[in-house]
Amino acid sequence: MQSIDSLRELNSKLLAEIAELRKVNAELKDKNAEIPDLKRKFAEIESEKVELKARIAELL
């Protein structure tokens, strides 16, 4: 059986790892929050591209 000191050391390491994972998780949540806005912007650009192609076709 592990000694109390080694269990405390392991617990400390695990708590540090959990803190790091929470930090990474928060960063990913921030990036994921940007996705709907990026999708909207992409759709707007695609729509504008279609309109411009149609205008070019009219001019030719």
PDB file of N, CA and C in Angstrom:
ATOM      1  N   MET A   1       0.835  -1.180   0.000  1.00  0.00           N
ATOM      2  CA  MET A   1       0.000   0.000   0.000  1.00  0.00           C
ATOM      3  C   MET A   1       0.884   1.249   0.000  1.00  0.00           C
ATOM      4  N   GLN A   2       0.443   2.241  -0.730  1.00  0.00           N
ATOM      5  CA  GLN A   2       1.231   3.467  -0.831  1.00  0.00           C
ATOM      6  C   GLN A   2       1.176   4.252   0.471  1.00  0.00           C
ATOM      7  N   SER A   3       2.236   4.933   0.733  1.00  0.00           N
ATOM      8  CA  SER A   3       2.276   5.746   1.945  1.00  0.00           C
ATOM      9  C   SER A   3       1.452   7.011   1.739  1.00  0.00           C
ATOM     10  N   ILE A   4       1.112   7.645   2.828  1.00  0.00           N
ATOM     11  CA  ILE A   4       0.316   8.872   2.774  1.00  0.00           C
ATOM     12  C   ILE A   4       1.053   9.952   1.989  1.00  0.00           C
ATOM     13  N   ASP A   5       2.362  10.055   2.181  1.00  0.00           N
ATOM     14  CA  ASP A   5       3.136  11.073   1.459  1.00  0.00           C
ATOM     15  C   ASP A   5       3.090  10.855  -0.051  1.00  0.00           C
ATOM     16  N   SER A   6       3.222   9.604  -0.480  1.00  0.00           N
ATOM     17  CA  SER A   6       3.190   9.347  -1.920  1.00  0.00           C
ATOM     18  C   SER A   6       1.793   9.592  -2.478  1.00  0.00           C
ATOM     19  N   LEU A   7       0.769   9.312  -1.683  1.00  0.00           N
ATOM     20  CA  LEU A   7      -0.600   9.594  -2.125  1.00  0.00           C
ATOM     21  C   LEU A   7      -0.837  11.103  -2.209  1.00  0.00           C
ATOM     22  N   ARG A   8      -0.288  11.840  -1.270  1.00  0.00           N
ATOM     23  CA  ARG A   8      -0.416  13.301  -1.310  1.00  0.00           C
ATOM     24  C   ARG A   8       0.300  13.869  -2.535  1.00  0.00           C
ATOM     25  N   GLU A   9       1.458  13.327  -2.833  1.00  0.00           N
ATOM     26  CA  GLU A   9       2.213  13.768  -4.001  1.00  0.00           C
ATOM     27  C   GLU A   9       1.432  13.474  -5.281  1.00  0.00           C
ATOM     28  N   LEU A  10       0.876  12.284  -5.357  1.00  0.00           N
ATOM     29  CA  LEU A  10       0.068  11.915  -6.521  1.00  0.00           C
ATOM     30  C   LEU A  10      -1.153  12.820  -6.630  1.00  0.00           C
ATOM     31  N   ASN A  11      -1.792  13.088  -5.508  1.00  0.00           N
ATOM     32  CA  ASN A  11      -2.960  13.965  -5.489  1.00  0.00           C
ATOM     33  C   ASN A  11      -2.585  15.361  -5.981  1.00  0.00           C
ATOM     34  N   SER A  12      -1.449  15.856  -5.547  1.00  0.00           N
ATOM     35  CA  SER A  12      -0.987  17.173  -5.964  1.00  0.00           C
ATOM     36  C   SER A  12      -0.750  17.211  -7.473  1.00  0.00           C
ATOM     37  N   LYS A  13      -0.117  16.179  -8.003  1.00  0.00           N
ATOM     38  CA  LYS A  13       0.122  16.105  -9.446  1.00  0.00           C
ATOM     39  C   LYS A  13      -1.189  16.051 -10.219  1.00  0.00           C
ATOM     40  N   LEU A  14      -2.129  15.273  -9.705  1.00  0.00           N
ATOM     41  CA  LEU A  14      -3.424  15.151 -10.388  1.00  0.00           C
ATOM     42  C   LEU A  14      -4.190  16.469 -10.350  1.00  0.00           C
ATOM     43  N   LEU A  15      -4.109  17.177  -9.236  1.00  0.00           N
ATOM     44  CA  LEU A  15      -4.775  18.479  -9.143  1.00  0.00           C
ATOM     45  C   LEU A  15      -4.167  19.475 -10.131  1.00  0.00           C
ATOM     46  N   ALA A  16      -2.848  19.430 -10.292  1.00  0.00           N
ATOM     47  CA  ALA A  16      -2.187  20.306 -11.264  1.00  0.00           C
ATOM     48  C   ALA A  16      -2.613  19.945 -12.684  1.00  0.00           C
ATOM     49  N   GLU A  17      -2.714  18.652 -12.957  1.00  0.00           N
ATOM     50  CA  GLU A  17      -3.149  18.207 -14.286  1.00  0.00           C
ATOM     51  C   GLU A  17      -4.593  18.622 -14.552  1.00  0.00           C
ATOM     52  N   ILE A  18      -5.435  18.501 -13.552  1.00  0.00           N
ATOM     53  CA  ILE A  18      -6.836  18.923 -13.693  1.00  0.00           C
ATOM     54  C   ILE A  18      -6.910  20.416 -13.980  1.00  0.00           C
ATOM     55  N   ALA A  19      -6.113  21.209 -13.269  1.00  0.00           N
ATOM     56  CA  ALA A  19      -6.104  22.656 -13.494  1.00  0.00           C
ATOM     57  C   ALA A  19      -5.686  22.979 -14.925  1.00  0.00           C
ATOM     58  N   GLU A  20      -4.678  22.284 -15.421  1.00  0.00           N
ATOM     59  CA  GLU A  20      -4.219  22.505 -16.797  1.00  0.00           C
ATOM     60  C   GLU A  20      -5.299  22.105 -17.800  1.00  0.00           C
ATOM     61  N   LEU A  21      -5.961  20.989 -17.550  1.00  0.00           N
ATOM     62  CA  LEU A  21      -7.027  20.542 -18.450  1.00  0.00           C
ATOM     63  C   LEU A  21      -8.202  21.515 -18.438  1.00  0.00           C
ATOM     64  N   ARG A  22      -8.496  22.080 -17.288  1.00  0.00           N
ATOM     65  CA  ARG A  22      -9.569  23.081 -17.215  1.00  0.00           C
ATOM     66  C   ARG A  22      -9.205  24.317 -18.026  1.00  0.00           C
ATOM     67  N   LYS A  23      -7.934  24.699 -17.970  1.00  0.00           N
ATOM     68  CA  LYS A  23      -7.468  25.847 -18.742  1.00  0.00           C
ATOM     69  C   LYS A  23      -7.619  25.572 -20.237  1.00  0.00           C
ATOM     70  N   VAL A  24      -7.187  24.406 -20.671  1.00  0.00           N
ATOM     71  CA  VAL A  24      -7.302  24.028 -22.083  1.00  0.00           C
ATOM     72  C   VAL A  24      -8.775  23.976 -22.490  1.00  0.00           C
ATOM     73  N   ASN A  25      -9.606  23.420 -21.630  1.00  0.00           N
ATOM     74  CA  ASN A  25     -11.036  23.332 -21.906  1.00  0.00           C
ATOM     75  C   ASN A  25     -11.641  24.725 -22.080  1.00  0.00           C
ATOM     76  N   ALA A  26     -11.256  25.659 -21.226  1.00  0.00           N
ATOM     77  CA  ALA A  26     -11.768  27.028 -21.332  1.00  0.00           C
ATOM     78  C   ALA A  26     -11.335  27.666 -22.648  1.00  0.00           C
ATOM     79  N   GLU A  27     -10.083  27.433 -23.052  1.00  0.00           N
ATOM     80  CA  GLU A  27      -9.601  27.970 -24.327  1.00  0.00           C
ATOM     81  C   GLU A  27     -10.385  27.386 -25.495  1.00  0.00           C
ATOM     82  N   LEU A  28     -10.661  26.091 -25.438  1.00  0.00           N
ATOM     83  CA  LEU A  28     -11.424  25.450 -26.513  1.00  0.00           C
ATOM     84  C   LEU A  28     -12.855  25.964 -26.558  1.00  0.00           C
ATOM     85  N   LYS A  29     -13.443  26.206 -25.396  1.00  0.00           N
ATOM     86  CA  LYS A  29     -14.799  26.763 -25.365  1.00  0.00           C
ATOM     87  C   LYS A  29     -14.823  28.132 -26.032  1.00  0.00           C
ATOM     88  N   ASP A  30     -13.798  28.947 -25.771  1.00  0.00           N
ATOM     89  CA  ASP A  30     -13.721  30.264 -26.403  1.00  0.00           C
ATOM     90  C   ASP A  30     -13.630  30.136 -27.920  1.00  0.00           C
ATOM     91  N   LYS A  31     -12.792  29.222 -28.378  1.00  0.00           N
ATOM     92  CA  LYS A  31     -12.653  29.029 -29.824  1.00  0.00           C
ATOM     93  C   LYS A  31     -13.939  28.488 -30.431  1.00  0.00           C
ATOM     94  N   ASN A  32     -14.588  27.566 -29.738  1.00  0.00           N
ATOM     95  CA  ASN A  32     -15.838  27.000 -30.242  1.00  0.00           C
ATOM     96  C   ASN A  32     -16.933  28.049 -30.304  1.00  0.00           C
ATOM     97  N   ALA A  33     -16.873  29.027 -29.419  1.00  0.00           N
ATOM     98  CA  ALA A  33     -17.874  30.093 -29.425  1.00  0.00           C
ATOM     99  C   ALA A  33     -17.757  30.941 -30.689  1.00  0.00           C
ATOM    100  N   GLU A  34     -16.587  30.969 -31.294  1.00  0.00           N
ATOM    101  CA  GLU A  34     -16.369  31.746 -32.513  1.00  0.00           C
ATOM    102  C   GLU A  34     -16.934  31.061 -33.754  1.00  0.00           C
ATOM    103  N   ILE A  35     -17.169  29.780 -33.693  1.00  0.00           N
ATOM    104  CA  ILE A  35     -17.562  29.009 -34.875  1.00  0.00           C
ATOM    105  C   ILE A  35     -18.859  29.511 -35.513  1.00  0.00           C
ATOM    106  N   PRO A  36     -19.936  29.742 -34.756  1.00  0.00           N
ATOM    107  CA  PRO A  36     -21.157  30.225 -35.418  1.00  0.00           C
ATOM    108  C   PRO A  36     -20.943  31.545 -36.160  1.00  0.00           C
ATOM    109  N   ASP A  37     -20.163  32.454 -35.573  1.00  0.00           N
ATOM    110  CA  ASP A  37     -19.896  33.727 -36.233  1.00  0.00           C
ATOM    111  C   ASP A  37     -19.088  33.519 -37.508  1.00  0.00           C
ATOM    112  N   LEU A  38     -18.117  32.628 -37.451  1.00  0.00           N
ATOM    113  CA  LEU A  38     -17.320  32.334 -38.642  1.00  0.00           C
ATOM    114  C   LEU A  38     -18.169  31.690 -39.731  1.00  0.00           C
ATOM    115  N   LYS A  39     -19.095  30.810 -39.340  1.00  0.00           N
ATOM    116  CA  LYS A  39     -19.990  30.187 -40.323  1.00  0.00           C
ATOM    117  C   LYS A  39     -20.874  31.242 -40.983  1.00  0.00           C
ATOM    118  N   ARG A  40     -21.367  32.197 -40.182  1.00  0.00           N
ATOM    119  CA  ARG A  40     -22.212  33.264 -40.717  1.00  0.00           C
ATOM    120  C   ARG A  40     -21.418  34.115 -41.710  1.00  0.00           C
ATOM    121  N   LYS A  41     -20.200  34.482 -41.328  1.00  0.00           N
ATOM    122  CA  LYS A  41     -19.356  35.283 -42.217  1.00  0.00           C
ATOM    123  C   LYS A  41     -19.052  34.530 -43.509  1.00  0.00           C
ATOM    124  N   PHE A  42     -18.777  33.240 -43.390  1.00  0.00           N
ATOM    125  CA  PHE A  42     -18.496  32.421 -44.572  1.00  0.00           C
ATOM    126  C   PHE A  42     -19.710  32.405 -45.498  1.00  0.00           C
ATOM    127  N   ALA A  43     -20.900  32.234 -44.926  1.00  0.00           N
ATOM    128  CA  ALA A  43     -22.124  32.209 -45.732  1.00  0.00           C
ATOM    129  C   ALA A  43     -22.329  33.545 -46.440  1.00  0.00           C
ATOM    130  N   GLU A  44     -22.052  34.639 -45.747  1.00  0.00           N
ATOM    131  CA  GLU A  44     -22.181  35.959 -46.369  1.00  0.00           C
ATOM    132  C   GLU A  44     -21.211  36.110 -47.542  1.00  0.00           C
ATOM    133  N   ILE A  45     -19.991  35.667 -47.348  1.00  0.00           N
ATOM    134  CA  ILE A  45     -18.984  35.765 -48.411  1.00  0.00           C
ATOM    135  C   ILE A  45     -19.370  34.895 -49.600  1.00  0.00           C
ATOM    136  N   GLU A  46     -19.860  33.692 -49.325  1.00  0.00           N
ATOM    137  CA  GLU A  46     -20.293  32.804 -50.411  1.00  0.00           C
ATOM    138  C   GLU A  46     -21.453  33.423 -51.182  1.00  0.00           C
ATOM    139  N   SER A  47     -22.390  34.039 -50.463  1.00  0.00           N
ATOM    140  CA  SER A  47     -23.528  34.688 -51.107  1.00  0.00           C
ATOM    141  C   SER A  47     -23.053  35.844 -51.988  1.00  0.00           C
ATOM    142  N   GLU A  48     -22.136  36.620 -51.454  1.00  0.00           N
ATOM    143  CA  GLU A  48     -21.586  37.735 -52.225  1.00  0.00           C
ATOM    144  C   GLU A  48     -20.854  37.224 -53.467  1.00  0.00           C
ATOM    145  N   LYS A  49     -20.153  36.126 -53.328  1.00  0.00           N
ATOM    146  CA  LYS A  49     -19.431  35.533 -54.457  1.00  0.00           C
ATOM    147  C   LYS A  49     -20.412  35.125 -55.561  1.00  0.00           C
ATOM    148  N   VAL A  50     -21.524  34.510 -55.175  1.00  0.00           N
ATOM    149  CA  VAL A  50     -22.536  34.097 -56.153  1.00  0.00           C
ATOM    150  C   VAL A  50     -23.108  35.322 -56.860  1.00  0.00           C
ATOM    151  N   GLU A  51     -23.397  36.376 -56.091  1.00  0.00           N
ATOM    152  CA  GLU A  51     -23.924  37.603 -56.684  1.00  0.00           C
ATOM    153  C   GLU A  51     -22.930  38.209 -57.677  1.00  0.00           C
ATOM    154  N   LEU A  52     -21.668  38.236 -57.292  1.00  0.00           N
ATOM    155  CA  LEU A  52     -20.653  38.800 -58.181  1.00  0.00           C
ATOM    156  C   LEU A  52     -20.495  37.970 -59.449  1.00  0.00           C
ATOM    157  N   LYS A  53     -20.567  36.659 -59.330  1.00  0.00           N
ATOM    158  CA  LYS A  53     -20.487  35.801 -60.519  1.00  0.00           C
ATOM    159  C   LYS A  53     -21.666  36.073 -61.449  1.00  0.00           C
ATOM    160  N   ALA A  54     -22.842  36.266 -60.866  1.00  0.00           N
ATOM    161  CA  ALA A  54     -24.027  36.551 -61.679  1.00  0.00           C
ATOM    162  C   ALA A  54     -23.874  37.891 -62.389  1.00  0.00           C
ATOM    163  N   ARG A  55     -23.357  38.885 -61.699  1.00  0.00           N
ATOM    164  CA  ARG A  55     -23.157  40.199 -62.319  1.00  0.00           C
ATOM    165  C   ARG A  55     -22.125  40.125 -63.437  1.00  0.00           C
ATOM    166  N   ILE A  56     -21.073  39.363 -63.213  1.00  0.00           N
ATOM    167  CA  ILE A  56     -20.050  39.194 -64.255  1.00  0.00           C
ATOM    168  C   ILE A  56     -20.659  38.515 -65.475  1.00  0.00           C
ATOM    169  N   ALA A  57     -21.490  37.500 -65.245  1.00  0.00           N
ATOM    170  CA  ALA A  57     -22.138  36.790 -66.353  1.00  0.00           C
ATOM    171  C   ALA A  57     -23.038  37.731 -67.143  1.00  0.00           C
ATOM    172  N   GLU A  58     -23.721  38.657 -66.452  1.00  0.00           N
ATOM    173  CA  GLU A  58     -24.578  39.624 -67.139  1.00  0.00           C
ATOM    174  C   GLU A  58     -23.751  40.563 -68.015  1.00  0.00           C
ATOM    175  N   LEU A  59     -22.579  40.912 -67.539  1.00  0.00           N
ATOM    176  CA  LEU A  59     -21.740  41.859 -68.270  1.00  0.00           C
ATOM    177  C   LEU A  59     -21.062  41.234 -69.486  1.00  0.00           C
ATOM    178  N   LEU A  60     -20.950  39.933 -69.492  1.00  0.00           N
ATOM    179  CA  LEU A  60     -20.276  39.265 -70.616  1.00  0.00           C
ATOM    180  C   LEU A  60     -21.189  38.996 -71.760  1.00  0.00           C
TER     181      LEU A  60
END
